[in-house]
């Protein structure tokens, strides 16, 4: 898939010309396909390896141990969510996955801390929590740079998103798609969907399977190189920009039958704002040709609505 490949160093450390070029290329890609690949993203290669190692160790634990870390009252927002609990919006077939979620840790006594449940510590794997925490902070930093570039493309102040994503309700999700042991009824590993958040940063995956739907209604495979991450627009950003930036439909398909006995692991970071951010369409994105498409809503209300739609919240 020929999605643009950008170098985050051009934005963070390059001169004005490189920075402008990054902003322009990013914005055009987000209007056309909603996905880019990014190198020099700031997440250490050793950390990525550790994260996948601990993720595989966790999902290899016996089910009765994993279930100790499933907190039903948290709607899947922290800890373990067992196989078949989540489905795509509009689909009744559960996705063929289980996952573990790690969220924001407030360290500056911000009152928003009371909104967030504590993260879940897996006693059997001591290295898992430190790796998740370090990765969460690294993704936040890279995500803030991406949002700065997006703000400039939208003719907003460069730090427009800063106050909204400081101690935001972001989620780092470690996903396991287990081996397929029988003919799936109607589901694929992850049915077609759009992400809920502002942007998603995805570092690697242990196997192919990710596809995006292009404007010609064709499914196109997307595979990032080892030194790259894939960054895509989520529904909150599409809503904020009145559809100027595109939240692309994507899915994870089942492997060829001869590879059904293999697992797939994936670790996306869903960058969310705090619950009070207004998602009202930006006035600059509304005109005669593009009338306002969405009712005003806060990010918190919208998130709760979507969690209900995908079966994680009652």
C-alpha atoms as a PDB file:
ATOM      1  CA  UNK A   1       0.000   0.000   0.000  1.00  0.00           C
ATOM      2  CA  UNK A   2       1.546   3.293  -1.105  1.00  0.00           C
ATOM      3  CA  UNK A   3       0.540   5.399   1.878  1.00  0.00           C
ATOM      4  CA  UNK A   4       2.900   8.344   2.458  1.00  0.00           C
ATOM      5  CA  UNK A   5       5.929   7.732   4.665  1.00  0.00           C
ATOM      6  CA  UNK A   6       6.869  10.739   6.798  1.00  0.00           C
ATOM      7  CA  UNK A   7       9.883  11.441   8.997  1.00  0.00           C
ATOM      8  CA  UNK A   8       8.827  12.913  12.346  1.00  0.00           C
ATOM      9  CA  UNK A   9      12.315  14.422  12.720  1.00  0.00           C
ATOM     10  CA  UNK A  10      11.444  16.739   9.821  1.00  0.00           C
ATOM     11  CA  UNK A  11       8.679  18.213  11.944  1.00  0.00           C
ATOM     12  CA  UNK A  12      10.345  18.183  15.344  1.00  0.00           C
ATOM     13  CA  UNK A  13      13.922  19.063  14.386  1.00  0.00           C
ATOM     14  CA  UNK A  14      13.998  20.093  10.717  1.00  0.00           C
ATOM     15  CA  UNK A  15      14.052  23.655   9.410  1.00  0.00           C
ATOM     16  CA  UNK A  16      10.905  25.563   8.498  1.00  0.00           C
ATOM     17  CA  UNK A  17      10.861  24.199   4.956  1.00  0.00           C
ATOM     18  CA  UNK A  18      10.934  20.560   6.114  1.00  0.00           C
ATOM     19  CA  UNK A  19       8.345  21.300   8.783  1.00  0.00           C
ATOM     20  CA  UNK A  20       6.012  22.914   6.244  1.00  0.00           C
ATOM     21  CA  UNK A  21       6.453  19.983   3.873  1.00  0.00           C
ATOM     22  CA  UNK A  22       5.625  17.512   6.661  1.00  0.00           C
ATOM     23  CA  UNK A  23       2.451  19.424   7.555  1.00  0.00           C
ATOM     24  CA  UNK A  24       1.306  19.655   3.926  1.00  0.00           C
ATOM     25  CA  UNK A  25       1.969  15.977   3.114  1.00  0.00           C
ATOM     26  CA  UNK A  26       0.334  14.817   6.344  1.00  0.00           C
ATOM     27  CA  UNK A  27      -2.771  16.934   5.840  1.00  0.00           C
ATOM     28  CA  UNK A  28      -3.254  15.843   2.228  1.00  0.00           C
ATOM     29  CA  UNK A  29      -2.866  12.183   3.210  1.00  0.00           C
ATOM     30  CA  UNK A  30      -5.410  12.569   5.997  1.00  0.00           C
ATOM     31  CA  UNK A  31      -7.870  14.145   3.570  1.00  0.00           C
ATOM     32  CA  UNK A  32      -7.376  11.363   1.011  1.00  0.00           C
ATOM     33  CA  UNK A  33      -6.810   8.081   2.891  1.00  0.00           C
ATOM     34  CA  UNK A  34      -6.591   8.850   6.618  1.00  0.00           C
ATOM     35  CA  UNK A  35      -3.382   6.832   7.114  1.00  0.00           C
ATOM     36  CA  UNK A  36       0.366   7.602   7.058  1.00  0.00           C
ATOM     37  CA  UNK A  37       3.487   5.683   8.058  1.00  0.00           C
ATOM     38  CA  UNK A  38       5.972   7.517  10.278  1.00  0.00           C
ATOM     39  CA  UNK A  39       9.661   6.823  10.897  1.00  0.00           C
ATOM     40  CA  UNK A  40      11.901   8.346  13.587  1.00  0.00           C
ATOM     41  CA  UNK A  41       8.821   8.273  15.795  1.00  0.00           C
ATOM     42  CA  UNK A  42      10.649   8.243  19.136  1.00  0.00           C
ATOM     43  CA  UNK A  43       9.554   4.845  20.459  1.00  0.00           C
ATOM     44  CA  UNK A  44      12.691   2.842  21.243  1.00  0.00           C
ATOM     45  CA  UNK A  45      13.196  -0.361  19.266  1.00  0.00           C
ATOM     46  CA  UNK A  46      14.189  -2.251  22.438  1.00  0.00           C
ATOM     47  CA  UNK A  47      11.010  -1.068  24.158  1.00  0.00           C
ATOM     48  CA  UNK A  48       8.886  -2.296  21.262  1.00  0.00           C
ATOM     49  CA  UNK A  49      10.565  -5.705  21.443  1.00  0.00           C
ATOM     50  CA  UNK A  50       9.990  -5.877  25.213  1.00  0.00           C
ATOM     51  CA  UNK A  51       6.380  -4.819  24.818  1.00  0.00           C
ATOM     52  CA  UNK A  52       5.656  -7.610  22.349  1.00  0.00           C
ATOM     53  CA  UNK A  53       7.577 -10.121  24.489  1.00  0.00           C
ATOM     54  CA  UNK A  54       5.545  -9.327  27.608  1.00  0.00           C
ATOM     55  CA  UNK A  55       2.313  -9.183  25.596  1.00  0.00           C
ATOM     56  CA  UNK A  56       2.907 -12.688  24.275  1.00  0.00           C
ATOM     57  CA  UNK A  57       3.773 -13.899  27.784  1.00  0.00           C
ATOM     58  CA  UNK A  58       0.537 -12.485  29.180  1.00  0.00           C
ATOM     59  CA  UNK A  59      -1.721 -14.034  26.562  1.00  0.00           C
ATOM     60  CA  UNK A  60       0.075 -17.375  27.009  1.00  0.00           C
ATOM     61  CA  UNK A  61      -1.079 -17.516  30.653  1.00  0.00           C
ATOM     62  CA  UNK A  62      -3.885 -19.968  31.497  1.00  0.00           C
ATOM     63  CA  UNK A  63      -7.331 -18.467  31.074  1.00  0.00           C
ATOM     64  CA  UNK A  64      -8.131 -18.729  34.787  1.00  0.00           C
ATOM     65  CA  UNK A  65      -5.149 -16.488  35.538  1.00  0.00           C
ATOM     66  CA  UNK A  66      -6.001 -13.959  32.830  1.00  0.00           C
ATOM     67  CA  UNK A  67      -9.551 -13.767  34.150  1.00  0.00           C
ATOM     68  CA  UNK A  68      -8.170 -12.469  37.465  1.00  0.00           C
ATOM     69  CA  UNK A  69      -7.373  -9.288  35.547  1.00  0.00           C
ATOM     70  CA  UNK A  70     -10.758  -8.850  33.848  1.00  0.00           C
ATOM     71  CA  UNK A  71     -12.629  -6.038  35.604  1.00  0.00           C
ATOM     72  CA  UNK A  72     -16.211  -6.128  34.318  1.00  0.00           C
ATOM     73  CA  UNK A  73     -17.085  -2.863  36.065  1.00  0.00           C
ATOM     74  CA  UNK A  74     -14.448  -0.972  34.016  1.00  0.00           C
ATOM     75  CA  UNK A  75     -16.073  -1.683  30.609  1.00  0.00           C
ATOM     76  CA  UNK A  76     -12.822  -3.004  29.195  1.00  0.00           C
ATOM     77  CA  UNK A  77     -10.991   0.279  29.803  1.00  0.00           C
ATOM     78  CA  UNK A  78      -8.344  -1.272  32.084  1.00  0.00           C
ATOM     79  CA  UNK A  79      -6.918  -4.752  32.335  1.00  0.00           C
ATOM     80  CA  UNK A  80      -8.004  -7.858  30.462  1.00  0.00           C
ATOM     81  CA  UNK A  81     -10.999  -8.307  28.152  1.00  0.00           C
ATOM     82  CA  UNK A  82     -11.636 -11.928  27.274  1.00  0.00           C
ATOM     83  CA  UNK A  83     -12.202 -13.400  23.821  1.00  0.00           C
ATOM     84  CA  UNK A  84     -15.363 -12.454  21.928  1.00  0.00           C
ATOM     85  CA  UNK A  85     -16.486  -9.525  24.109  1.00  0.00           C
ATOM     86  CA  UNK A  86     -16.081  -6.700  21.566  1.00  0.00           C
ATOM     87  CA  UNK A  87     -17.744  -6.285  18.191  1.00  0.00           C
ATOM     88  CA  UNK A  88     -17.598  -3.587  15.542  1.00  0.00           C
ATOM     89  CA  UNK A  89     -20.314  -0.923  15.438  1.00  0.00           C
ATOM     90  CA  UNK A  90     -23.228  -2.306  13.439  1.00  0.00           C
ATOM     91  CA  UNK A  91     -21.982  -5.901  13.650  1.00  0.00           C
ATOM     92  CA  UNK A  92     -23.427  -8.633  15.858  1.00  0.00           C
ATOM     93  CA  UNK A  93     -20.521 -11.064  15.335  1.00  0.00           C
ATOM     94  CA  UNK A  94     -17.826 -10.676  18.006  1.00  0.00           C
ATOM     95  CA  UNK A  95     -14.286  -9.980  16.856  1.00  0.00           C
ATOM     96  CA  UNK A  96     -11.884 -12.915  17.144  1.00  0.00           C
ATOM     97  CA  UNK A  97      -9.626 -11.320  19.757  1.00  0.00           C
ATOM     98  CA  UNK A  98      -8.813 -10.785  23.416  1.00  0.00           C
ATOM     99  CA  UNK A  99      -6.969  -7.732  24.712  1.00  0.00           C
ATOM    100  CA  UNK A 100      -5.350  -5.932  27.646  1.00  0.00           C
ATOM    101  CA  UNK A 101      -5.742  -2.163  28.141  1.00  0.00           C
ATOM    102  CA  UNK A 102      -3.491   0.310  29.950  1.00  0.00           C
ATOM    103  CA  UNK A 103      -4.589   3.900  30.509  1.00  0.00           C
ATOM    104  CA  UNK A 104      -3.511   7.300  31.738  1.00  0.00           C
ATOM    105  CA  UNK A 105      -1.460   7.705  34.911  1.00  0.00           C
ATOM    106  CA  UNK A 106      -1.873  11.224  36.328  1.00  0.00           C
ATOM    107  CA  UNK A 107       1.353  12.375  37.990  1.00  0.00           C
ATOM    108  CA  UNK A 108       0.760  16.108  38.552  1.00  0.00           C
ATOM    109  CA  UNK A 109      -2.258  16.030  40.918  1.00  0.00           C
ATOM    110  CA  UNK A 110      -4.591  17.106  38.121  1.00  0.00           C
ATOM    111  CA  UNK A 111      -8.207  16.748  39.402  1.00  0.00           C
ATOM    112  CA  UNK A 112      -8.994  14.675  36.299  1.00  0.00           C
ATOM    113  CA  UNK A 113      -7.256  11.791  38.090  1.00  0.00           C
ATOM    114  CA  UNK A 114     -10.523  10.936  39.834  1.00  0.00           C
ATOM    115  CA  UNK A 115     -12.098  10.120  36.438  1.00  0.00           C
ATOM    116  CA  UNK A 116      -9.608   7.360  35.666  1.00  0.00           C
ATOM    117  CA  UNK A 117      -9.514   3.891  37.223  1.00  0.00           C
ATOM    118  CA  UNK A 118      -6.142   2.557  38.324  1.00  0.00           C
ATOM    119  CA  UNK A 119      -4.158   0.466  35.901  1.00  0.00           C
ATOM    120  CA  UNK A 120      -4.077  -3.278  36.444  1.00  0.00           C
ATOM    121  CA  UNK A 121      -0.774  -4.894  37.479  1.00  0.00           C
ATOM    122  CA  UNK A 122      -0.132  -8.443  36.272  1.00  0.00           C
ATOM    123  CA  UNK A 123       1.681 -10.162  39.140  1.00  0.00           C
ATOM    124  CA  UNK A 124       2.968 -13.043  37.013  1.00  0.00           C
ATOM    125  CA  UNK A 125       4.869 -10.755  34.582  1.00  0.00           C
ATOM    126  CA  UNK A 126       6.785  -8.058  36.532  1.00  0.00           C
ATOM    127  CA  UNK A 127       8.162  -6.377  33.413  1.00  0.00           C
ATOM    128  CA  UNK A 128       4.761  -5.846  31.763  1.00  0.00           C
ATOM    129  CA  UNK A 129       3.644  -2.778  33.742  1.00  0.00           C
ATOM    130  CA  UNK A 130       6.941  -0.797  33.369  1.00  0.00           C
ATOM    131  CA  UNK A 131       7.014  -1.513  29.622  1.00  0.00           C
ATOM    132  CA  UNK A 132       3.395  -0.420  29.188  1.00  0.00           C
ATOM    133  CA  UNK A 133       4.004   2.756  31.209  1.00  0.00           C
ATOM    134  CA  UNK A 134       7.126   3.739  29.234  1.00  0.00           C
ATOM    135  CA  UNK A 135       5.446   2.976  25.914  1.00  0.00           C
ATOM    136  CA  UNK A 136       2.354   4.976  26.903  1.00  0.00           C
ATOM    137  CA  UNK A 137       4.507   8.055  27.586  1.00  0.00           C
ATOM    138  CA  UNK A 138       6.489   7.606  24.348  1.00  0.00           C
ATOM    139  CA  UNK A 139       3.304   7.303  22.294  1.00  0.00           C
ATOM    140  CA  UNK A 140       1.879  10.390  23.994  1.00  0.00           C
ATOM    141  CA  UNK A 141       4.938  12.402  23.024  1.00  0.00           C
ATOM    142  CA  UNK A 142       4.877  11.296  19.398  1.00  0.00           C
ATOM    143  CA  UNK A 143       1.112  11.788  19.256  1.00  0.00           C
ATOM    144  CA  UNK A 144       1.408  15.364  20.513  1.00  0.00           C
ATOM    145  CA  UNK A 145       3.823  16.152  17.668  1.00  0.00           C
ATOM    146  CA  UNK A 146       1.412  14.657  15.149  1.00  0.00           C
ATOM    147  CA  UNK A 147      -1.436  16.749  16.577  1.00  0.00           C
ATOM    148  CA  UNK A 148       0.703  19.891  16.365  1.00  0.00           C
ATOM    149  CA  UNK A 149       1.202  19.226  12.654  1.00  0.00           C
ATOM    150  CA  UNK A 150      -2.512  18.569  12.190  1.00  0.00           C
ATOM    151  CA  UNK A 151      -3.348  21.847  13.962  1.00  0.00           C
ATOM    152  CA  UNK A 152      -1.069  23.789  11.615  1.00  0.00           C
ATOM    153  CA  UNK A 153      -2.663  22.118   8.591  1.00  0.00           C
ATOM    154  CA  UNK A 154      -6.065  23.243   9.890  1.00  0.00           C
ATOM    155  CA  UNK A 155      -4.767  26.830  10.368  1.00  0.00           C
ATOM    156  CA  UNK A 156      -5.111  26.486  14.123  1.00  0.00           C
ATOM    157  CA  UNK A 157      -2.481  27.512  16.694  1.00  0.00           C
ATOM    158  CA  UNK A 158       0.231  24.840  16.799  1.00  0.00           C
ATOM    159  CA  UNK A 159      -0.575  23.996  20.441  1.00  0.00           C
ATOM    160  CA  UNK A 160      -4.354  23.919  19.911  1.00  0.00           C
ATOM    161  CA  UNK A 161      -4.678  20.312  21.120  1.00  0.00           C
ATOM    162  CA  UNK A 162      -2.189  20.557  24.012  1.00  0.00           C
ATOM    163  CA  UNK A 163      -4.663  21.419  26.785  1.00  0.00           C
ATOM    164  CA  UNK A 164      -7.130  18.791  25.607  1.00  0.00           C
ATOM    165  CA  UNK A 165      -4.692  15.853  25.491  1.00  0.00           C
ATOM    166  CA  UNK A 166      -2.745  16.738  28.667  1.00  0.00           C
ATOM    167  CA  UNK A 167      -3.673  13.871  30.995  1.00  0.00           C
ATOM    168  CA  UNK A 168      -6.078  12.763  28.281  1.00  0.00           C
ATOM    169  CA  UNK A 169      -8.080   9.537  28.354  1.00  0.00           C
ATOM    170  CA  UNK A 170      -5.736   7.681  25.992  1.00  0.00           C
ATOM    171  CA  UNK A 171      -5.482   3.894  25.867  1.00  0.00           C
ATOM    172  CA  UNK A 172      -2.634   1.517  25.023  1.00  0.00           C
ATOM    173  CA  UNK A 173      -4.160  -1.775  23.897  1.00  0.00           C
ATOM    174  CA  UNK A 174      -2.274  -5.069  23.563  1.00  0.00           C
ATOM    175  CA  UNK A 175      -4.312  -7.372  21.294  1.00  0.00           C
ATOM    176  CA  UNK A 176      -4.107 -11.113  20.747  1.00  0.00           C
ATOM    177  CA  UNK A 177      -5.887 -12.746  17.826  1.00  0.00           C
ATOM    178  CA  UNK A 178      -5.671 -16.457  18.783  1.00  0.00           C
ATOM    179  CA  UNK A 179      -5.275 -19.319  16.308  1.00  0.00           C
ATOM    180  CA  UNK A 180      -8.490 -20.072  14.440  1.00  0.00           C
ATOM    181  CA  UNK A 181      -9.607 -23.544  15.454  1.00  0.00           C
ATOM    182  CA  UNK A 182     -12.890 -23.872  13.556  1.00  0.00           C
ATOM    183  CA  UNK A 183     -14.716 -22.253  10.669  1.00  0.00           C
ATOM    184  CA  UNK A 184     -15.719 -18.722  11.809  1.00  0.00           C
ATOM    185  CA  UNK A 185     -19.470 -18.199  11.702  1.00  0.00           C
ATOM    186  CA  UNK A 186     -19.419 -14.692  10.269  1.00  0.00           C
ATOM    187  CA  UNK A 187     -16.569 -12.840  11.930  1.00  0.00           C
ATOM    188  CA  UNK A 188     -13.081 -11.985  10.844  1.00  0.00           C
ATOM    189  CA  UNK A 189     -10.343 -11.200  13.328  1.00  0.00           C
ATOM    190  CA  UNK A 190     -11.550  -7.603  13.528  1.00  0.00           C
ATOM    191  CA  UNK A 191     -14.593  -6.533  11.524  1.00  0.00           C
ATOM    192  CA  UNK A 192     -14.503  -3.294   9.539  1.00  0.00           C
ATOM    193  CA  UNK A 193     -14.639  -0.225  11.756  1.00  0.00           C
ATOM    194  CA  UNK A 194     -13.344   3.269  12.367  1.00  0.00           C
ATOM    195  CA  UNK A 195     -11.435   4.211  15.514  1.00  0.00           C
ATOM    196  CA  UNK A 196     -13.203   6.353  18.112  1.00  0.00           C
ATOM    197  CA  UNK A 197     -10.354   8.670  19.164  1.00  0.00           C
ATOM    198  CA  UNK A 198      -8.422  11.623  17.687  1.00  0.00           C
ATOM    199  CA  UNK A 199      -5.553   9.610  16.194  1.00  0.00           C
ATOM    200  CA  UNK A 200      -4.264   6.042  16.526  1.00  0.00           C
ATOM    201  CA  UNK A 201      -0.571   5.130  16.568  1.00  0.00           C
ATOM    202  CA  UNK A 202       0.136   1.487  15.726  1.00  0.00           C
ATOM    203  CA  UNK A 203       3.573   0.014  16.261  1.00  0.00           C
ATOM    204  CA  UNK A 204       4.171  -3.111  14.238  1.00  0.00           C
ATOM    205  CA  UNK A 205       2.215  -6.338  14.322  1.00  0.00           C
ATOM    206  CA  UNK A 206       3.342  -9.927  14.450  1.00  0.00           C
ATOM    207  CA  UNK A 207       1.566 -10.838  11.202  1.00  0.00           C
ATOM    208  CA  UNK A 208      -0.158  -9.316   8.191  1.00  0.00           C
ATOM    209  CA  UNK A 209      -3.895  -8.731   8.128  1.00  0.00           C
ATOM    210  CA  UNK A 210      -4.563  -4.983   8.421  1.00  0.00           C
ATOM    211  CA  UNK A 211      -6.519  -3.593   5.444  1.00  0.00           C
ATOM    212  CA  UNK A 212      -7.999  -0.166   4.710  1.00  0.00           C
ATOM    213  CA  UNK A 213     -10.943   0.681   2.461  1.00  0.00           C
ATOM    214  CA  UNK A 214      -9.989   3.159  -0.262  1.00  0.00           C
ATOM    215  CA  UNK A 215     -12.178   5.608  -2.164  1.00  0.00           C
ATOM    216  CA  UNK A 216     -12.719   3.028  -4.901  1.00  0.00           C
ATOM    217  CA  UNK A 217     -14.298   0.747  -2.257  1.00  0.00           C
ATOM    218  CA  UNK A 218     -11.356  -1.660  -2.471  1.00  0.00           C
ATOM    219  CA  UNK A 219      -9.648  -3.302   0.498  1.00  0.00           C
ATOM    220  CA  UNK A 220      -5.922  -2.516   0.432  1.00  0.00           C
ATOM    221  CA  UNK A 221      -3.374  -4.266   2.712  1.00  0.00           C
ATOM    222  CA  UNK A 222      -1.243  -2.025   4.938  1.00  0.00           C
ATOM    223  CA  UNK A 223       2.014  -3.281   6.414  1.00  0.00           C
ATOM    224  CA  UNK A 224       4.490  -0.916   8.051  1.00  0.00           C
ATOM    225  CA  UNK A 225       8.216  -1.618   7.996  1.00  0.00           C
ATOM    226  CA  UNK A 226       9.860  -2.504  11.329  1.00  0.00           C
ATOM    227  CA  UNK A 227      11.178   1.030  11.879  1.00  0.00           C
ATOM    228  CA  UNK A 228       7.820   2.672  11.161  1.00  0.00           C
ATOM    229  CA  UNK A 229       4.527   3.218  12.939  1.00  0.00           C
ATOM    230  CA  UNK A 230       1.179   3.692  11.229  1.00  0.00           C
ATOM    231  CA  UNK A 231      -0.841   6.732  12.340  1.00  0.00           C
ATOM    232  CA  UNK A 232      -4.480   7.142  11.333  1.00  0.00           C
ATOM    233  CA  UNK A 233      -7.332   9.568  11.917  1.00  0.00           C
ATOM    234  CA  UNK A 234     -10.092   8.598  14.329  1.00  0.00           C
ATOM    235  CA  UNK A 235     -13.764   9.557  14.415  1.00  0.00           C
ATOM    236  CA  UNK A 236     -13.301  12.341  16.975  1.00  0.00           C
ATOM    237  CA  UNK A 237     -10.922  14.176  14.639  1.00  0.00           C
ATOM    238  CA  UNK A 238     -13.152  13.533  11.631  1.00  0.00           C
ATOM    239  CA  UNK A 239     -16.085  14.913  13.589  1.00  0.00           C
ATOM    240  CA  UNK A 240     -14.123  17.957  14.790  1.00  0.00           C
ATOM    241  CA  UNK A 241     -13.066  18.773  11.214  1.00  0.00           C
ATOM    242  CA  UNK A 242     -16.542  18.197   9.748  1.00  0.00           C
ATOM    243  CA  UNK A 243     -15.213  15.315   7.581  1.00  0.00           C
ATOM    244  CA  UNK A 244     -12.269  17.307   6.191  1.00  0.00           C
ATOM    245  CA  UNK A 245      -9.884  14.734   7.686  1.00  0.00           C
ATOM    246  CA  UNK A 246     -10.897  11.167   6.977  1.00  0.00           C
ATOM    247  CA  UNK A 247     -11.411   8.437   9.569  1.00  0.00           C
ATOM    248  CA  UNK A 248     -10.720   5.497   7.311  1.00  0.00           C
ATOM    249  CA  UNK A 249     -12.597   2.229   7.556  1.00  0.00           C
ATOM    250  CA  UNK A 250     -10.195  -0.623   8.305  1.00  0.00           C
ATOM    251  CA  UNK A 251     -10.260  -4.248   9.388  1.00  0.00           C
ATOM    252  CA  UNK A 252      -8.036  -7.200  10.294  1.00  0.00           C
ATOM    253  CA  UNK A 253      -8.727 -10.182   8.058  1.00  0.00           C
ATOM    254  CA  UNK A 254      -8.178 -13.841   8.822  1.00  0.00           C
ATOM    255  CA  UNK A 255      -4.936 -15.348   7.521  1.00  0.00           C
ATOM    256  CA  UNK A 256      -4.869 -17.967   4.765  1.00  0.00           C
ATOM    257  CA  UNK A 257      -6.238 -21.288   6.020  1.00  0.00           C
ATOM    258  CA  UNK A 258      -2.757 -22.814   6.200  1.00  0.00           C
ATOM    259  CA  UNK A 259      -1.840 -20.143   8.792  1.00  0.00           C
ATOM    260  CA  UNK A 260      -4.964 -20.492  10.942  1.00  0.00           C
ATOM    261  CA  UNK A 261      -2.876 -22.151  13.653  1.00  0.00           C
ATOM    262  CA  UNK A 262      -0.825 -18.995  14.220  1.00  0.00           C
ATOM    263  CA  UNK A 263      -1.543 -16.090  16.584  1.00  0.00           C
ATOM    264  CA  UNK A 264      -1.429 -12.412  15.668  1.00  0.00           C
ATOM    265  CA  UNK A 265      -0.389  -9.698  18.139  1.00  0.00           C
ATOM    266  CA  UNK A 266      -0.902  -5.961  17.689  1.00  0.00           C
ATOM    267  CA  UNK A 267      -0.379  -2.935  19.959  1.00  0.00           C
ATOM    268  CA  UNK A 268      -2.249   0.278  19.005  1.00  0.00           C
ATOM    269  CA  UNK A 269      -2.231   3.483  21.053  1.00  0.00           C
ATOM    270  CA  UNK A 270      -5.562   5.326  20.929  1.00  0.00           C
ATOM    271  CA  UNK A 271      -4.895   9.006  21.623  1.00  0.00           C
ATOM    272  CA  UNK A 272      -7.935  10.508  23.336  1.00  0.00           C
ATOM    273  CA  UNK A 273      -8.532  13.980  24.758  1.00  0.00           C
ATOM    274  CA  UNK A 274      -9.960  14.538  28.209  1.00  0.00           C
ATOM    275  CA  UNK A 275     -13.697  14.049  28.552  1.00  0.00           C
ATOM    276  CA  UNK A 276     -14.530  17.787  28.446  1.00  0.00           C
ATOM    277  CA  UNK A 277     -13.162  18.582  24.984  1.00  0.00           C
ATOM    278  CA  UNK A 278     -15.857  19.903  22.644  1.00  0.00           C
ATOM    279  CA  UNK A 279     -16.124  18.015  19.365  1.00  0.00           C
ATOM    280  CA  UNK A 280     -18.276  20.767  17.809  1.00  0.00           C
ATOM    281  CA  UNK A 281     -17.252  21.137  14.173  1.00  0.00           C
ATOM    282  CA  UNK A 282     -14.586  23.796  13.686  1.00  0.00           C
ATOM    283  CA  UNK A 283     -16.127  26.910  12.065  1.00  0.00           C
ATOM    284  CA  UNK A 284     -13.277  26.955   9.537  1.00  0.00           C
ATOM    285  CA  UNK A 285     -14.385  23.520   8.290  1.00  0.00           C
ATOM    286  CA  UNK A 286     -18.010  24.577   7.657  1.00  0.00           C
ATOM    287  CA  UNK A 287     -19.081  26.288   4.424  1.00  0.00           C
ATOM    288  CA  UNK A 288     -21.744  26.163   1.698  1.00  0.00           C
ATOM    289  CA  UNK A 289     -20.231  23.072   0.119  1.00  0.00           C
ATOM    290  CA  UNK A 290     -19.636  21.413   3.490  1.00  0.00           C
ATOM    291  CA  UNK A 291     -22.536  22.192   5.833  1.00  0.00           C
ATOM    292  CA  UNK A 292     -22.236  21.115   9.447  1.00  0.00           C
ATOM    293  CA  UNK A 293     -22.587  17.315   9.584  1.00  0.00           C
ATOM    294  CA  UNK A 294     -22.679  16.607  13.333  1.00  0.00           C
ATOM    295  CA  UNK A 295     -24.489  17.718  16.443  1.00  0.00           C
ATOM    296  CA  UNK A 296     -22.286  19.252  19.133  1.00  0.00           C
ATOM    297  CA  UNK A 297     -20.979  16.733  21.676  1.00  0.00           C
ATOM    298  CA  UNK A 298     -18.223  16.405  24.244  1.00  0.00           C
ATOM    299  CA  UNK A 299     -15.528  13.784  23.751  1.00  0.00           C
ATOM    300  CA  UNK A 300     -16.633  12.041  26.958  1.00  0.00           C
ATOM    301  CA  UNK A 301     -20.252  11.699  25.874  1.00  0.00           C
ATOM    302  CA  UNK A 302     -19.211  10.525  22.423  1.00  0.00           C
ATOM    303  CA  UNK A 303     -16.821   7.928  23.857  1.00  0.00           C
ATOM    304  CA  UNK A 304     -19.528   6.480  26.119  1.00  0.00           C
ATOM    305  CA  UNK A 305     -21.944   6.289  23.197  1.00  0.00           C
ATOM    306  CA  UNK A 306     -19.412   4.390  21.099  1.00  0.00           C
ATOM    307  CA  UNK A 307     -18.424   2.011  23.918  1.00  0.00           C
ATOM    308  CA  UNK A 308     -22.074   1.023  24.166  1.00  0.00           C
ATOM    309  CA  UNK A 309     -22.268   0.513  20.411  1.00  0.00           C
ATOM    310  CA  UNK A 310     -19.322  -1.916  20.400  1.00  0.00           C
ATOM    311  CA  UNK A 311     -20.560  -3.922  23.373  1.00  0.00           C
ATOM    312  CA  UNK A 312     -18.058  -2.847  26.038  1.00  0.00           C
ATOM    313  CA  UNK A 313     -20.471  -0.696  28.045  1.00  0.00           C
ATOM    314  CA  UNK A 314     -24.081  -1.354  28.997  1.00  0.00           C
END
